[in-house]
């Protein structure tokens, strides 16, 4: 299972355990970290360097986890990441990520980072 998919599953499993708000926050943070690492790696492969790690939010709706991130390139251009993991609570989540730099789409794929082809 790809790393980001594993993180999505961890978010959902932690969210499903009643009374475990702390675990839910930890799992959501792990997923955001996986996404930021993946985005940074994917952009680096394309010769795009970021000033800092993207800042991400992960609102969850049912079995769908959405991630929304912003960052800036080293030369100041805005970076926007939009991602969705459907069936996040199932064995085979389906992911979609789109990354734009200064309004231009530079990445649109179903996985991020290590193990992504």
N, C-alpha and C. Protein backbone atom coordinates (compact mmCIF):
# COMPACT_ATOMS: atom_id res chain seq x y z
N UNK A 1 0.86 -1.18 0.00
CA UNK A 1 0.00 0.00 0.00
C UNK A 1 0.90 1.24 0.00
N UNK A 2 0.58 2.19 -0.81
CA UNK A 2 1.36 3.41 -0.87
C UNK A 2 1.31 4.15 0.46
N UNK A 3 2.37 4.90 0.74
CA UNK A 3 2.51 5.59 2.02
C UNK A 3 1.35 6.52 2.31
N UNK A 4 0.96 7.35 1.35
CA UNK A 4 -0.13 8.30 1.58
C UNK A 4 -1.43 7.54 1.82
N UNK A 5 -1.66 6.45 1.10
CA UNK A 5 -2.87 5.65 1.33
C UNK A 5 -2.87 5.11 2.75
N UNK A 6 -1.72 4.67 3.22
CA UNK A 6 -1.63 4.17 4.59
C UNK A 6 -1.97 5.27 5.59
N UNK A 7 -1.52 6.48 5.31
CA UNK A 7 -1.83 7.60 6.20
C UNK A 7 -3.32 7.93 6.18
N UNK A 8 -3.94 7.87 5.00
CA UNK A 8 -5.38 8.12 4.91
C UNK A 8 -6.12 7.09 5.74
N UNK A 9 -5.75 5.84 5.61
CA UNK A 9 -6.40 4.79 6.38
C UNK A 9 -6.21 5.01 7.88
N UNK A 10 -5.02 5.44 8.28
CA UNK A 10 -4.76 5.71 9.70
C UNK A 10 -5.64 6.84 10.21
N UNK A 11 -5.83 7.88 9.40
CA UNK A 11 -6.71 8.99 9.79
C UNK A 11 -8.11 8.49 10.04
N UNK A 12 -8.62 7.69 9.12
CA UNK A 12 -9.99 7.21 9.23
C UNK A 12 -10.14 6.26 10.42
N UNK A 13 -9.20 5.36 10.60
CA UNK A 13 -9.29 4.44 11.72
C UNK A 13 -9.25 5.17 13.05
N UNK A 14 -8.39 6.14 13.17
CA UNK A 14 -8.30 6.90 14.42
C UNK A 14 -9.56 7.72 14.64
N UNK A 15 -10.13 8.26 13.57
CA UNK A 15 -11.35 9.05 13.69
C UNK A 15 -12.53 8.19 14.10
N UNK A 16 -12.51 6.92 13.74
CA UNK A 16 -13.62 6.04 14.03
C UNK A 16 -13.65 5.54 15.47
N UNK A 17 -12.59 5.68 16.20
CA UNK A 17 -12.54 5.22 17.58
C UNK A 17 -13.12 6.32 18.46
N UNK A 18 -14.23 6.01 19.12
CA UNK A 18 -14.88 7.05 19.92
C UNK A 18 -14.02 7.45 21.10
N UNK A 19 -14.05 8.75 21.41
CA UNK A 19 -13.31 9.26 22.56
C UNK A 19 -11.82 9.41 22.31
N UNK A 20 -11.37 9.27 21.11
CA UNK A 20 -9.93 9.33 20.84
C UNK A 20 -9.58 10.56 20.02
N UNK A 21 -9.96 11.71 20.49
CA UNK A 21 -9.68 12.96 19.76
C UNK A 21 -8.18 13.18 19.59
N UNK A 22 -7.40 12.81 20.59
CA UNK A 22 -5.95 12.99 20.49
C UNK A 22 -5.40 12.14 19.36
N UNK A 23 -5.82 10.88 19.27
CA UNK A 23 -5.34 10.01 18.20
C UNK A 23 -5.79 10.52 16.84
N UNK A 24 -6.99 11.07 16.76
CA UNK A 24 -7.48 11.61 15.50
C UNK A 24 -6.58 12.76 15.04
N UNK A 25 -6.23 13.66 15.96
CA UNK A 25 -5.37 14.79 15.60
C UNK A 25 -3.99 14.30 15.18
N UNK A 26 -3.45 13.29 15.86
CA UNK A 26 -2.14 12.75 15.50
C UNK A 26 -2.20 12.14 14.10
N UNK A 27 -3.24 11.35 13.82
CA UNK A 27 -3.36 10.71 12.51
C UNK A 27 -3.55 11.73 11.40
N UNK A 28 -4.37 12.76 11.64
CA UNK A 28 -4.54 13.81 10.64
C UNK A 28 -3.22 14.51 10.38
N UNK A 29 -2.46 14.76 11.43
CA UNK A 29 -1.15 15.40 11.27
C UNK A 29 -0.21 14.50 10.47
N UNK A 30 -0.27 13.19 10.71
CA UNK A 30 0.57 12.25 9.96
C UNK A 30 0.22 12.29 8.47
N UNK A 31 -1.07 12.35 8.17
CA UNK A 31 -1.49 12.43 6.77
C UNK A 31 -1.02 13.73 6.14
N UNK A 32 -1.19 14.84 6.85
CA UNK A 32 -0.72 16.13 6.31
C UNK A 32 0.78 16.09 6.07
N UNK A 33 1.52 15.49 7.00
CA UNK A 33 2.98 15.36 6.81
C UNK A 33 3.30 14.52 5.59
N UNK A 34 2.58 13.42 5.40
CA UNK A 34 2.82 12.57 4.23
C UNK A 34 2.55 13.34 2.94
N UNK A 35 1.48 14.13 2.93
CA UNK A 35 1.15 14.92 1.74
C UNK A 35 2.22 15.98 1.49
N UNK A 36 2.63 16.70 2.54
CA UNK A 36 3.64 17.74 2.34
C UNK A 36 4.96 17.15 1.87
N UNK A 37 5.34 16.00 2.43
CA UNK A 37 6.58 15.34 1.97
C UNK A 37 6.45 14.92 0.52
N UNK A 38 5.30 14.34 0.16
CA UNK A 38 5.08 13.90 -1.21
C UNK A 38 5.07 15.05 -2.20
N UNK A 39 4.39 16.14 -1.85
CA UNK A 39 4.34 17.32 -2.73
C UNK A 39 5.75 17.89 -2.91
N UNK A 40 6.47 18.01 -1.81
CA UNK A 40 7.84 18.55 -1.89
C UNK A 40 8.71 17.69 -2.80
N UNK A 41 8.61 16.37 -2.65
CA UNK A 41 9.41 15.45 -3.48
C UNK A 41 9.01 15.54 -4.96
N UNK A 42 7.71 15.58 -5.22
CA UNK A 42 7.23 15.65 -6.61
C UNK A 42 7.66 16.96 -7.28
N UNK A 43 7.57 18.06 -6.56
CA UNK A 43 7.98 19.34 -7.14
C UNK A 43 9.49 19.39 -7.34
N UNK A 44 10.23 18.84 -6.39
CA UNK A 44 11.70 18.81 -6.52
C UNK A 44 12.11 18.03 -7.77
N UNK A 45 11.42 16.90 -8.06
CA UNK A 45 11.71 16.13 -9.28
C UNK A 45 11.51 16.98 -10.53
N UNK A 46 10.64 17.99 -10.43
CA UNK A 46 10.33 18.85 -11.57
C UNK A 46 11.14 20.15 -11.54
N UNK A 47 12.11 20.22 -10.62
CA UNK A 47 12.98 21.39 -10.54
C UNK A 47 12.35 22.58 -9.84
N UNK A 48 11.29 22.35 -9.07
CA UNK A 48 10.61 23.43 -8.35
C UNK A 48 10.92 23.29 -6.87
N UNK A 49 11.57 24.29 -6.31
CA UNK A 49 11.96 24.26 -4.89
C UNK A 49 11.02 25.14 -4.08
N UNK A 50 10.66 24.66 -2.89
CA UNK A 50 9.78 25.41 -2.01
C UNK A 50 10.58 26.15 -0.94
N UNK A 51 10.04 27.32 -0.51
CA UNK A 51 10.67 28.07 0.59
C UNK A 51 10.57 27.28 1.89
N UNK A 52 9.42 26.66 2.11
CA UNK A 52 9.16 25.91 3.34
C UNK A 52 8.12 24.84 3.03
N UNK A 53 7.91 23.97 4.00
CA UNK A 53 6.89 22.92 3.83
C UNK A 53 5.53 23.56 3.60
N UNK A 54 4.71 22.94 2.77
CA UNK A 54 3.35 23.45 2.58
C UNK A 54 2.56 23.40 3.90
N UNK A 55 1.65 24.32 4.04
CA UNK A 55 0.73 24.34 5.17
C UNK A 55 -0.57 23.70 4.70
N UNK A 56 -1.03 22.65 5.41
CA UNK A 56 -2.18 21.88 4.95
C UNK A 56 -3.30 21.80 5.98
N UNK A 57 -4.52 21.65 5.46
CA UNK A 57 -5.71 21.40 6.27
C UNK A 57 -6.36 20.14 5.73
N UNK A 58 -7.00 19.37 6.62
CA UNK A 58 -7.62 18.11 6.21
C UNK A 58 -9.04 17.96 6.75
N UNK A 59 -10.00 18.67 6.17
CA UNK A 59 -11.38 18.42 6.59
C UNK A 59 -11.82 17.04 6.10
N UNK A 60 -12.54 16.29 6.93
CA UNK A 60 -13.00 14.94 6.58
C UNK A 60 -14.51 14.94 6.49
N UNK A 61 -15.01 14.29 5.46
CA UNK A 61 -16.45 14.16 5.28
C UNK A 61 -16.76 12.71 4.98
N UNK A 62 -17.32 11.99 5.93
CA UNK A 62 -17.64 10.58 5.71
C UNK A 62 -16.40 9.79 5.36
N UNK A 63 -16.47 9.01 4.27
CA UNK A 63 -15.33 8.21 3.84
C UNK A 63 -14.38 8.96 2.93
N UNK A 64 -14.58 10.28 2.79
CA UNK A 64 -13.71 11.09 1.94
C UNK A 64 -12.86 12.01 2.79
N UNK A 65 -11.57 12.03 2.51
CA UNK A 65 -10.66 12.94 3.19
C UNK A 65 -10.15 13.92 2.14
N UNK A 66 -10.28 15.19 2.42
CA UNK A 66 -9.77 16.22 1.51
C UNK A 66 -8.57 16.89 2.16
N UNK A 67 -7.62 17.25 1.33
CA UNK A 67 -6.46 17.99 1.83
C UNK A 67 -6.29 19.22 0.96
N UNK A 68 -5.99 20.31 1.62
CA UNK A 68 -5.80 21.59 0.94
C UNK A 68 -4.53 22.21 1.51
N UNK A 69 -3.56 22.52 0.64
CA UNK A 69 -2.28 23.04 1.10
C UNK A 69 -1.88 24.29 0.31
N UNK A 70 -1.10 25.13 0.95
CA UNK A 70 -0.52 26.29 0.27
C UNK A 70 0.95 26.38 0.64
N UNK A 71 1.71 26.97 -0.27
CA UNK A 71 3.14 27.17 -0.06
C UNK A 71 3.61 28.25 -1.03
N UNK A 72 4.89 28.51 -1.00
CA UNK A 72 5.54 29.44 -1.95
C UNK A 72 6.83 28.79 -2.43
N UNK A 73 7.12 29.03 -3.71
CA UNK A 73 8.40 28.57 -4.24
C UNK A 73 9.49 29.49 -3.71
N UNK A 74 10.72 29.06 -3.89
CA UNK A 74 11.85 29.89 -3.43
C UNK A 74 11.86 31.26 -4.10
N UNK A 75 11.31 31.33 -5.33
CA UNK A 75 11.27 32.62 -6.01
C UNK A 75 9.94 33.35 -5.79
N UNK A 76 9.12 32.88 -4.82
CA UNK A 76 7.93 33.61 -4.39
C UNK A 76 6.62 33.28 -5.07
N UNK A 77 6.60 32.33 -6.00
CA UNK A 77 5.34 31.98 -6.68
C UNK A 77 4.44 31.16 -5.75
N UNK A 78 3.13 31.41 -5.78
CA UNK A 78 2.22 30.65 -4.92
C UNK A 78 2.02 29.22 -5.41
N UNK A 79 1.96 28.29 -4.46
CA UNK A 79 1.72 26.88 -4.74
C UNK A 79 0.43 26.49 -4.03
N UNK A 80 -0.47 25.81 -4.76
CA UNK A 80 -1.73 25.34 -4.18
C UNK A 80 -1.84 23.84 -4.45
N UNK A 81 -2.16 23.10 -3.40
CA UNK A 81 -2.34 21.65 -3.50
C UNK A 81 -3.78 21.33 -3.11
N UNK A 82 -4.46 20.55 -3.95
CA UNK A 82 -5.80 20.07 -3.63
C UNK A 82 -5.79 18.56 -3.80
N UNK A 83 -6.23 17.86 -2.77
CA UNK A 83 -6.24 16.40 -2.83
C UNK A 83 -7.50 15.84 -2.23
N UNK A 84 -7.87 14.67 -2.74
CA UNK A 84 -9.04 13.96 -2.24
C UNK A 84 -8.70 12.48 -2.17
N UNK A 85 -9.05 11.87 -1.05
CA UNK A 85 -8.93 10.42 -0.90
C UNK A 85 -10.34 9.89 -0.67
N UNK A 86 -10.86 9.18 -1.66
CA UNK A 86 -12.19 8.58 -1.55
C UNK A 86 -12.07 7.16 -1.03
N UNK A 87 -13.11 6.67 -0.41
CA UNK A 87 -13.06 5.34 0.20
C UNK A 87 -11.95 5.26 1.23
N UNK A 88 -11.72 6.38 1.90
CA UNK A 88 -10.61 6.46 2.84
C UNK A 88 -10.74 5.44 3.96
N UNK A 89 -11.96 5.02 4.25
CA UNK A 89 -12.16 4.05 5.31
C UNK A 89 -12.18 2.62 4.80
N UNK A 90 -11.88 2.43 3.51
CA UNK A 90 -11.85 1.09 2.91
C UNK A 90 -10.43 0.59 2.73
N UNK A 91 -10.31 -0.62 2.23
CA UNK A 91 -9.00 -1.24 2.03
C UNK A 91 -8.23 -0.62 0.86
N UNK A 92 -8.95 -0.03 -0.10
CA UNK A 92 -8.30 0.52 -1.29
C UNK A 92 -8.76 1.94 -1.57
N UNK A 93 -8.24 2.91 -0.81
CA UNK A 93 -8.65 4.29 -1.07
C UNK A 93 -8.19 4.75 -2.45
N UNK A 94 -8.95 5.66 -3.02
CA UNK A 94 -8.62 6.23 -4.33
C UNK A 94 -8.23 7.69 -4.11
N UNK A 95 -7.02 8.04 -4.52
CA UNK A 95 -6.50 9.38 -4.29
C UNK A 95 -6.37 10.16 -5.59
N UNK A 96 -6.57 11.47 -5.49
CA UNK A 96 -6.34 12.39 -6.60
C UNK A 96 -5.71 13.65 -6.04
N UNK A 97 -4.63 14.10 -6.67
CA UNK A 97 -3.95 15.31 -6.23
C UNK A 97 -3.69 16.22 -7.43
N UNK A 98 -3.90 17.52 -7.23
CA UNK A 98 -3.58 18.53 -8.23
C UNK A 98 -2.73 19.59 -7.56
N UNK A 99 -1.64 19.95 -8.21
CA UNK A 99 -0.74 20.98 -7.69
C UNK A 99 -0.57 22.05 -8.75
N UNK A 100 -0.80 23.30 -8.35
CA UNK A 100 -0.57 24.42 -9.26
C UNK A 100 0.52 25.32 -8.69
N UNK A 101 1.28 25.90 -9.59
CA UNK A 101 2.31 26.88 -9.23
C UNK A 101 2.01 28.13 -10.03
N UNK A 102 1.75 29.22 -9.32
CA UNK A 102 1.38 30.50 -9.95
C UNK A 102 0.21 30.32 -10.91
N UNK A 103 -0.76 29.47 -10.50
CA UNK A 103 -1.96 29.25 -11.31
C UNK A 103 -1.81 28.26 -12.44
N UNK A 104 -0.60 27.74 -12.66
CA UNK A 104 -0.35 26.78 -13.75
C UNK A 104 -0.28 25.37 -13.16
N UNK A 105 -1.08 24.46 -13.70
CA UNK A 105 -1.09 23.08 -13.21
C UNK A 105 0.23 22.40 -13.57
N UNK A 106 0.93 21.91 -12.54
CA UNK A 106 2.21 21.23 -12.78
C UNK A 106 2.14 19.75 -12.42
N UNK A 107 1.07 19.36 -11.75
CA UNK A 107 0.96 17.96 -11.32
C UNK A 107 -0.51 17.60 -11.16
N UNK A 108 -0.88 16.46 -11.71
CA UNK A 108 -2.22 15.91 -11.50
C UNK A 108 -2.07 14.39 -11.56
N UNK A 109 -2.15 13.75 -10.39
CA UNK A 109 -1.95 12.30 -10.35
C UNK A 109 -2.61 11.70 -9.11
N UNK A 110 -2.62 10.39 -9.06
CA UNK A 110 -3.30 9.66 -8.00
C UNK A 110 -2.44 9.24 -6.84
N UNK A 111 -1.20 9.70 -6.78
CA UNK A 111 -0.34 9.39 -5.64
C UNK A 111 0.75 10.46 -5.56
N UNK A 112 1.42 10.49 -4.43
CA UNK A 112 2.49 11.47 -4.21
C UNK A 112 3.70 10.79 -3.59
N UNK A 113 4.88 11.27 -3.95
CA UNK A 113 6.10 10.88 -3.26
C UNK A 113 6.61 9.49 -3.57
N UNK A 114 7.27 8.88 -2.56
CA UNK A 114 7.91 7.58 -2.72
C UNK A 114 6.92 6.52 -3.18
N UNK A 115 7.33 5.71 -4.12
CA UNK A 115 6.51 4.64 -4.63
C UNK A 115 5.46 5.08 -5.64
N UNK A 116 5.45 6.35 -5.95
CA UNK A 116 4.48 6.86 -6.90
C UNK A 116 5.09 6.81 -8.30
N UNK A 117 4.31 6.32 -9.23
CA UNK A 117 4.84 6.24 -10.60
C UNK A 117 4.06 7.13 -11.54
